[in-house]
Amino acid sequence: MFDCDTCPVRQALDGLRPENEQAWRLFHRLGSRFVVDFGVGAEAFKRLTADVPDDEVPDLLQRLALIYDGLYPPPKMPDHG
């Protein structure tokens, strides 16, 4: 049985600044297998960020990009040296 109170992921999220916690929670929701497999990422992003002020969206996108790059680094280019 899963216990949310002892989950290390939850404990890590609880220690983040609010804007970083928001980005992590959004990243996990957008990256769920359901959202990805059904191709509803754009619609999910639109609905899940409906309350985010327009001037804060670029910062949120940057935070999401940092999370994505950290978890899924871009492939290294071959060295032709």
PDB file of N, CA and C in Angstrom:
ATOM      1  N   MET A   1       0.840  -1.178   0.000  1.00  0.00           N
ATOM      2  CA  MET A   1       0.000   0.000   0.000  1.00  0.00           C
ATOM      3  C   MET A   1       0.889   1.247   0.000  1.00  0.00           C
ATOM      4  N   PHE A   2       0.554   2.178  -0.831  1.00  0.00           N
ATOM      5  CA  PHE A   2       1.340   3.407  -0.963  1.00  0.00           C
ATOM      6  C   PHE A   2       0.953   4.394   0.130  1.00  0.00           C
ATOM      7  N   ASP A   3       1.948   4.980   0.798  1.00  0.00           N
ATOM      8  CA  ASP A   3       1.721   5.952   1.870  1.00  0.00           C
ATOM      9  C   ASP A   3       2.289   7.303   1.436  1.00  0.00           C
ATOM     10  N   CYS A   4       1.410   8.237   1.104  1.00  0.00           N
ATOM     11  CA  CYS A   4       1.841   9.559   0.626  1.00  0.00           C
ATOM     12  C   CYS A   4       2.700  10.301   1.647  1.00  0.00           C
ATOM     13  N   ASP A   5       2.440  10.068   2.939  1.00  0.00           N
ATOM     14  CA  ASP A   5       3.172  10.799   3.970  1.00  0.00           C
ATOM     15  C   ASP A   5       4.643  10.409   4.050  1.00  0.00           C
ATOM     16  N   THR A   6       4.994   9.240   3.583  1.00  0.00           N
ATOM     17  CA  THR A   6       6.390   8.803   3.637  1.00  0.00           C
ATOM     18  C   THR A   6       7.054   8.795   2.260  1.00  0.00           C
ATOM     19  N   CYS A   7       6.365   9.276   1.253  1.00  0.00           N
ATOM     20  CA  CYS A   7       6.897   9.281  -0.118  1.00  0.00           C
ATOM     21  C   CYS A   7       8.057  10.276  -0.238  1.00  0.00           C
ATOM     22  N   PRO A   8       9.238   9.812  -0.684  1.00  0.00           N
ATOM     23  CA  PRO A   8      10.378  10.723  -0.818  1.00  0.00           C
ATOM     24  C   PRO A   8      10.153  11.790  -1.893  1.00  0.00           C
ATOM     25  N   VAL A   9       9.358  11.467  -2.918  1.00  0.00           N
ATOM     26  CA  VAL A   9       9.072  12.462  -3.957  1.00  0.00           C
ATOM     27  C   VAL A   9       8.252  13.597  -3.352  1.00  0.00           C
ATOM     28  N   ARG A  10       7.241  13.243  -2.591  1.00  0.00           N
ATOM     29  CA  ARG A  10       6.419  14.275  -1.950  1.00  0.00           C
ATOM     30  C   ARG A  10       7.255  15.121  -1.002  1.00  0.00           C
ATOM     31  N   GLN A  11       8.109  14.491  -0.244  1.00  0.00           N
ATOM     32  CA  GLN A  11       8.967  15.229   0.686  1.00  0.00           C
ATOM     33  C   GLN A  11       9.891  16.186  -0.067  1.00  0.00           C
ATOM     34  N   ALA A  12      10.409  15.756  -1.203  1.00  0.00           N
ATOM     35  CA  ALA A  12      11.273  16.623  -2.012  1.00  0.00           C
ATOM     36  C   ALA A  12      10.487  17.803  -2.564  1.00  0.00           C
ATOM     37  N   LEU A  13       9.274  17.552  -3.037  1.00  0.00           N
ATOM     38  CA  LEU A  13       8.446  18.628  -3.577  1.00  0.00           C
ATOM     39  C   LEU A  13       8.076  19.641  -2.505  1.00  0.00           C
ATOM     40  N   ASP A  14       7.825  19.148  -1.305  1.00  0.00           N
ATOM     41  CA  ASP A  14       7.442  20.047  -0.212  1.00  0.00           C
ATOM     42  C   ASP A  14       8.542  21.042   0.133  1.00  0.00           C
ATOM     43  N   GLY A  15       9.796  20.727  -0.197  1.00  0.00           N
ATOM     44  CA  GLY A  15      10.908  21.608   0.126  1.00  0.00           C
ATOM     45  C   GLY A  15      11.234  22.626  -0.957  1.00  0.00           C
ATOM     46  N   LEU A  16      10.517  22.600  -2.067  1.00  0.00           N
ATOM     47  CA  LEU A  16      10.814  23.503  -3.184  1.00  0.00           C
ATOM     48  C   LEU A  16      10.123  24.853  -3.025  1.00  0.00           C
ATOM     49  N   ARG A  17      10.679  25.837  -3.702  1.00  0.00           N
ATOM     50  CA  ARG A  17       9.985  27.127  -3.805  1.00  0.00           C
ATOM     51  C   ARG A  17       8.692  26.884  -4.564  1.00  0.00           C
ATOM     52  N   PRO A  18       7.650  27.651  -4.282  1.00  0.00           N
ATOM     53  CA  PRO A  18       6.338  27.408  -4.898  1.00  0.00           C
ATOM     54  C   PRO A  18       6.361  27.332  -6.427  1.00  0.00           C
ATOM     55  N   GLU A  19       7.118  28.202  -7.078  1.00  0.00           N
ATOM     56  CA  GLU A  19       7.141  28.197  -8.546  1.00  0.00           C
ATOM     57  C   GLU A  19       7.822  26.943  -9.094  1.00  0.00           C
ATOM     58  N   ASN A  20       8.814  26.418  -8.360  1.00  0.00           N
ATOM     59  CA  ASN A  20       9.463  25.178  -8.792  1.00  0.00           C
ATOM     60  C   ASN A  20       8.563  23.976  -8.526  1.00  0.00           C
ATOM     61  N   GLU A  21       7.882  23.989  -7.397  1.00  0.00           N
ATOM     62  CA  GLU A  21       6.938  22.913  -7.106  1.00  0.00           C
ATOM     63  C   GLU A  21       5.828  22.879  -8.155  1.00  0.00           C
ATOM     64  N   GLN A  22       5.324  24.047  -8.536  1.00  0.00           N
ATOM     65  CA  GLN A  22       4.289  24.127  -9.567  1.00  0.00           C
ATOM     66  C   GLN A  22       4.784  23.503 -10.877  1.00  0.00           C
ATOM     67  N   ALA A  23       6.018  23.818 -11.254  1.00  0.00           N
ATOM     68  CA  ALA A  23       6.578  23.291 -12.497  1.00  0.00           C
ATOM     69  C   ALA A  23       6.726  21.769 -12.432  1.00  0.00           C
ATOM     70  N   TRP A  24       7.222  21.242 -11.302  1.00  0.00           N
ATOM     71  CA  TRP A  24       7.378  19.790 -11.165  1.00  0.00           C
ATOM     72  C   TRP A  24       6.032  19.080 -11.230  1.00  0.00           C
ATOM     73  N   ARG A  25       5.040  19.613 -10.532  1.00  0.00           N
ATOM     74  CA  ARG A  25       3.717  18.977 -10.538  1.00  0.00           C
ATOM     75  C   ARG A  25       3.116  18.998 -11.944  1.00  0.00           C
ATOM     76  N   LEU A  26       3.270  20.127 -12.640  1.00  0.00           N
ATOM     77  CA  LEU A  26       2.765  20.227 -14.006  1.00  0.00           C
ATOM     78  C   LEU A  26       3.509  19.264 -14.927  1.00  0.00           C
ATOM     79  N   PHE A  27       4.832  19.184 -14.771  1.00  0.00           N
ATOM     80  CA  PHE A  27       5.628  18.280 -15.591  1.00  0.00           C
ATOM     81  C   PHE A  27       5.152  16.836 -15.433  1.00  0.00           C
ATOM     82  N   HIS A  28       4.906  16.426 -14.199  1.00  0.00           N
ATOM     83  CA  HIS A  28       4.449  15.047 -13.954  1.00  0.00           C
ATOM     84  C   HIS A  28       3.063  14.801 -14.534  1.00  0.00           C
ATOM     85  N   ARG A  29       2.208  15.792 -14.479  1.00  0.00           N
ATOM     86  CA  ARG A  29       0.867  15.617 -15.044  1.00  0.00           C
ATOM     87  C   ARG A  29       0.927  15.567 -16.568  1.00  0.00           C
ATOM     88  N   LEU A  30       1.732  16.435 -17.170  1.00  0.00           N
ATOM     89  CA  LEU A  30       1.846  16.445 -18.632  1.00  0.00           C
ATOM     90  C   LEU A  30       2.597  15.229 -19.156  1.00  0.00           C
ATOM     91  N   GLY A  31       3.487  14.686 -18.345  1.00  0.00           N
ATOM     92  CA  GLY A  31       4.276  13.543 -18.772  1.00  0.00           C
ATOM     93  C   GLY A  31       3.656  12.200 -18.443  1.00  0.00           C
ATOM     94  N   SER A  32       2.429  12.212 -17.953  1.00  0.00           N
ATOM     95  CA  SER A  32       1.794  10.935 -17.632  1.00  0.00           C
ATOM     96  C   SER A  32       1.597  10.116 -18.902  1.00  0.00           C
ATOM     97  N   ARG A  33       1.617   8.830 -18.745  1.00  0.00           N
ATOM     98  CA  ARG A  33       1.468   7.935 -19.896  1.00  0.00           C
ATOM     99  C   ARG A  33       0.152   8.209 -20.627  1.00  0.00           C
ATOM    100  N   PHE A  34      -0.905   8.479 -19.885  1.00  0.00           N
ATOM    101  CA  PHE A  34      -2.201   8.746 -20.508  1.00  0.00           C
ATOM    102  C   PHE A  34      -2.124   9.969 -21.415  1.00  0.00           C
ATOM    103  N   VAL A  35      -1.582  11.070 -20.891  1.00  0.00           N
ATOM    104  CA  VAL A  35      -1.500  12.308 -21.678  1.00  0.00           C
ATOM    105  C   VAL A  35      -0.651  12.090 -22.925  1.00  0.00           C
ATOM    106  N   VAL A  36       0.481  11.419 -22.759  1.00  0.00           N
ATOM    107  CA  VAL A  36       1.388  11.191 -23.888  1.00  0.00           C
ATOM    108  C   VAL A  36       0.776  10.226 -24.895  1.00  0.00           C
ATOM    109  N   ASP A  37       0.281   9.084 -24.429  1.00  0.00           N
ATOM    110  CA  ASP A  37      -0.254   8.068 -25.338  1.00  0.00           C
ATOM    111  C   ASP A  37      -1.479   8.548 -26.111  1.00  0.00           C
ATOM    112  N   PHE A  38      -2.285   9.398 -25.488  1.00  0.00           N
ATOM    113  CA  PHE A  38      -3.483   9.884 -26.159  1.00  0.00           C
ATOM    114  C   PHE A  38      -3.256  11.203 -26.891  1.00  0.00           C
ATOM    115  N   GLY A  39      -2.041  11.718 -26.822  1.00  0.00           N
ATOM    116  CA  GLY A  39      -1.696  12.920 -27.573  1.00  0.00           C
ATOM    117  C   GLY A  39      -2.476  14.156 -27.153  1.00  0.00           C
ATOM    118  N   VAL A  40      -2.740  14.291 -25.862  1.00  0.00           N
ATOM    119  CA  VAL A  40      -3.539  15.423 -25.392  1.00  0.00           C
ATOM    120  C   VAL A  40      -2.688  16.429 -24.615  1.00  0.00           C
ATOM    121  N   GLY A  41      -1.383  16.428 -24.866  1.00  0.00           N
ATOM    122  CA  GLY A  41      -0.486  17.311 -24.130  1.00  0.00           C
ATOM    123  C   GLY A  41      -0.798  18.787 -24.304  1.00  0.00           C
ATOM    124  N   ALA A  42      -1.039  19.213 -25.525  1.00  0.00           N
ATOM    125  CA  ALA A  42      -1.324  20.634 -25.759  1.00  0.00           C
ATOM    126  C   ALA A  42      -2.599  21.063 -25.045  1.00  0.00           C
ATOM    127  N   GLU A  43      -3.626  20.260 -25.154  1.00  0.00           N
ATOM    128  CA  GLU A  43      -4.891  20.589 -24.484  1.00  0.00           C
ATOM    129  C   GLU A  43      -4.730  20.531 -22.976  1.00  0.00           C
ATOM    130  N   ALA A  44      -4.007  19.538 -22.471  1.00  0.00           N
ATOM    131  CA  ALA A  44      -3.780  19.432 -21.030  1.00  0.00           C
ATOM    132  C   ALA A  44      -2.998  20.645 -20.537  1.00  0.00           C
ATOM    133  N   PHE A  45      -1.956  21.044 -21.268  1.00  0.00           N
ATOM    134  CA  PHE A  45      -1.177  22.216 -20.866  1.00  0.00           C
ATOM    135  C   PHE A  45      -2.071  23.453 -20.825  1.00  0.00           C
ATOM    136  N   LYS A  46      -2.868  23.618 -21.848  1.00  0.00           N
ATOM    137  CA  LYS A  46      -3.761  24.788 -21.924  1.00  0.00           C
ATOM    138  C   LYS A  46      -4.702  24.834 -20.723  1.00  0.00           C
ATOM    139  N   ARG A  47      -5.302  23.716 -20.402  1.00  0.00           N
ATOM    140  CA  ARG A  47      -6.261  23.685 -19.296  1.00  0.00           C
ATOM    141  C   ARG A  47      -5.577  23.782 -17.931  1.00  0.00           C
ATOM    142  N   LEU A  48      -4.430  23.112 -17.784  1.00  0.00           N
ATOM    143  CA  LEU A  48      -3.748  23.106 -16.494  1.00  0.00           C
ATOM    144  C   LEU A  48      -3.061  24.433 -16.174  1.00  0.00           C
ATOM    145  N   THR A  49      -2.867  25.269 -17.193  1.00  0.00           N
ATOM    146  CA  THR A  49      -2.230  26.567 -16.971  1.00  0.00           C
ATOM    147  C   THR A  49      -3.188  27.721 -17.205  1.00  0.00           C
ATOM    148  N   ALA A  50      -4.466  27.438 -17.271  1.00  0.00           N
ATOM    149  CA  ALA A  50      -5.461  28.485 -17.550  1.00  0.00           C
ATOM    150  C   ALA A  50      -5.408  29.615 -16.525  1.00  0.00           C
ATOM    151  N   ASP A  51      -5.027  29.304 -15.293  1.00  0.00           N
ATOM    152  CA  ASP A  51      -4.987  30.333 -14.252  1.00  0.00           C
ATOM    153  C   ASP A  51      -3.618  31.005 -14.118  1.00  0.00           C
ATOM    154  N   VAL A  52      -2.655  30.602 -14.933  1.00  0.00           N
ATOM    155  CA  VAL A  52      -1.320  31.201 -14.887  1.00  0.00           C
ATOM    156  C   VAL A  52      -1.354  32.498 -15.695  1.00  0.00           C
ATOM    157  N   PRO A  53      -0.986  33.616 -15.072  1.00  0.00           N
ATOM    158  CA  PRO A  53      -0.962  34.881 -15.816  1.00  0.00           C
ATOM    159  C   PRO A  53      -0.046  34.794 -17.035  1.00  0.00           C
ATOM    160  N   ASP A  54      -0.443  35.436 -18.120  1.00  0.00           N
ATOM    161  CA  ASP A  54       0.308  35.388 -19.375  1.00  0.00           C
ATOM    162  C   ASP A  54       1.782  35.750 -19.194  1.00  0.00           C
ATOM    163  N   ASP A  55       2.072  36.723 -18.341  1.00  0.00           N
ATOM    164  CA  ASP A  55       3.460  37.147 -18.182  1.00  0.00           C
ATOM    165  C   ASP A  55       4.303  36.146 -17.390  1.00  0.00           C
ATOM    166  N   GLU A  56       3.678  35.140 -16.767  1.00  0.00           N
ATOM    167  CA  GLU A  56       4.411  34.111 -16.028  1.00  0.00           C
ATOM    168  C   GLU A  56       4.623  32.829 -16.840  1.00  0.00           C
ATOM    169  N   VAL A  57       3.962  32.725 -17.991  1.00  0.00           N
ATOM    170  CA  VAL A  57       4.071  31.509 -18.807  1.00  0.00           C
ATOM    171  C   VAL A  57       5.492  31.287 -19.322  1.00  0.00           C
ATOM    172  N   PRO A  58       6.194  32.321 -19.816  1.00  0.00           N
ATOM    173  CA  PRO A  58       7.575  32.057 -20.273  1.00  0.00           C
ATOM    174  C   PRO A  58       8.471  31.491 -19.172  1.00  0.00           C
ATOM    175  N   ASP A  59       8.338  31.992 -17.951  1.00  0.00           N
ATOM    176  CA  ASP A  59       9.130  31.475 -16.840  1.00  0.00           C
ATOM    177  C   ASP A  59       8.757  30.020 -16.552  1.00  0.00           C
ATOM    178  N   LEU A  60       7.477  29.711 -16.566  1.00  0.00           N
ATOM    179  CA  LEU A  60       7.029  28.335 -16.343  1.00  0.00           C
ATOM    180  C   LEU A  60       7.569  27.413 -17.426  1.00  0.00           C
ATOM    181  N   LEU A  61       7.522  27.854 -18.676  1.00  0.00           N
ATOM    182  CA  LEU A  61       8.060  27.045 -19.773  1.00  0.00           C
ATOM    183  C   LEU A  61       9.557  26.812 -19.595  1.00  0.00           C
ATOM    184  N   GLN A  62      10.283  27.825 -19.131  1.00  0.00           N
ATOM    185  CA  GLN A  62      11.723  27.668 -18.892  1.00  0.00           C
ATOM    186  C   GLN A  62      11.963  26.640 -17.793  1.00  0.00           C
ATOM    187  N   ARG A  63      11.173  26.683 -16.735  1.00  0.00           N
ATOM    188  CA  ARG A  63      11.315  25.712 -15.648  1.00  0.00           C
ATOM    189  C   ARG A  63      11.016  24.300 -16.158  1.00  0.00           C
ATOM    190  N   LEU A  64       9.975  24.160 -16.974  1.00  0.00           N
ATOM    191  CA  LEU A  64       9.644  22.852 -17.550  1.00  0.00           C
ATOM    192  C   LEU A  64      10.772  22.358 -18.453  1.00  0.00           C
ATOM    193  N   ALA A  65      11.367  23.253 -19.225  1.00  0.00           N
ATOM    194  CA  ALA A  65      12.474  22.881 -20.111  1.00  0.00           C
ATOM    195  C   ALA A  65      13.683  22.412 -19.298  1.00  0.00           C
ATOM    196  N   LEU A  66      13.960  23.078 -18.178  1.00  0.00           N
ATOM    197  CA  LEU A  66      15.081  22.667 -17.323  1.00  0.00           C
ATOM    198  C   LEU A  66      14.842  21.281 -16.731  1.00  0.00           C
ATOM    199  N   ILE A  67      13.611  21.035 -16.294  1.00  0.00           N
ATOM    200  CA  ILE A  67      13.274  19.715 -15.763  1.00  0.00           C
ATOM    201  C   ILE A  67      13.441  18.663 -16.856  1.00  0.00           C
ATOM    202  N   TYR A  68      12.899  18.949 -18.033  1.00  0.00           N
ATOM    203  CA  TYR A  68      12.976  18.007 -19.147  1.00  0.00           C
ATOM    204  C   TYR A  68      14.430  17.710 -19.519  1.00  0.00           C
ATOM    205  N   ASP A  69      15.226  18.756 -19.632  1.00  0.00           N
ATOM    206  CA  ASP A  69      16.636  18.561 -20.000  1.00  0.00           C
ATOM    207  C   ASP A  69      17.393  17.784 -18.931  1.00  0.00           C
ATOM    208  N   GLY A  70      17.022  17.992 -17.664  1.00  0.00           N
ATOM    209  CA  GLY A  70      17.678  17.269 -16.580  1.00  0.00           C
ATOM    210  C   GLY A  70      17.319  15.800 -16.558  1.00  0.00           C
ATOM    211  N   LEU A  71      16.053  15.495 -16.834  1.00  0.00           N
ATOM    212  CA  LEU A  71      15.610  14.099 -16.825  1.00  0.00           C
ATOM    213  C   LEU A  71      15.900  13.378 -18.135  1.00  0.00           C
ATOM    214  N   TYR A  72      15.859  14.122 -19.231  1.00  0.00           N
ATOM    215  CA  TYR A  72      16.061  13.551 -20.568  1.00  0.00           C
ATOM    216  C   TYR A  72      17.061  14.420 -21.316  1.00  0.00           C
ATOM    217  N   PRO A  73      18.335  14.318 -20.969  1.00  0.00           N
ATOM    218  CA  PRO A  73      19.324  15.192 -21.615  1.00  0.00           C
ATOM    219  C   PRO A  73      19.330  14.994 -23.128  1.00  0.00           C
ATOM    220  N   PRO A  74      19.594  16.087 -23.846  1.00  0.00           N
ATOM    221  CA  PRO A  74      19.690  15.956 -25.304  1.00  0.00           C
ATOM    222  C   PRO A  74      20.825  15.012 -25.666  1.00  0.00           C
ATOM    223  N   PRO A  75      20.681  14.287 -26.765  1.00  0.00           N
ATOM    224  CA  PRO A  75      21.765  13.377 -27.158  1.00  0.00           C
ATOM    225  C   PRO A  75      23.030  14.157 -27.475  1.00  0.00           C
ATOM    226  N   LYS A  76      24.144  13.558 -27.126  1.00  0.00           N
ATOM    227  CA  LYS A  76      25.432  14.196 -27.409  1.00  0.00           C
ATOM    228  C   LYS A  76      25.753  14.006 -28.877  1.00  0.00           C
ATOM    229  N   MET A  77      26.275  15.052 -29.453  1.00  0.00           N
ATOM    230  CA  MET A  77      26.678  15.003 -30.857  1.00  0.00           C
ATOM    231  C   MET A  77      27.996  14.227 -30.945  1.00  0.00           C
ATOM    232  N   PRO A  78      28.144  13.404 -31.954  1.00  0.00           N
ATOM    233  CA  PRO A  78      29.403  12.668 -32.093  1.00  0.00           C
ATOM    234  C   PRO A  78      30.566  13.626 -32.348  1.00  0.00           C
ATOM    235  N   ASP A  79      31.692  13.300 -31.766  1.00  0.00           N
ATOM    236  CA  ASP A  79      32.889  14.117 -31.936  1.00  0.00           C
ATOM    237  C   ASP A  79      33.625  13.626 -33.180  1.00  0.00           C
ATOM    238  N   HIS A  80      33.736  14.497 -34.172  1.00  0.00           N
ATOM    239  CA  HIS A  80      34.399  14.110 -35.418  1.00  0.00           C
ATOM    240  C   HIS A  80      35.832  14.645 -35.456  1.00  0.00           C
ATOM    241  N   GLY A  81      36.392  14.899 -34.252  1.00  0.00           N
ATOM    242  CA  GLY A  81      37.724  15.489 -34.124  1.00  0.00           C
ATOM    243  C   GLY A  81      38.789  14.658 -34.632  1.00  0.00           C
TER     244      GLY A  81
END
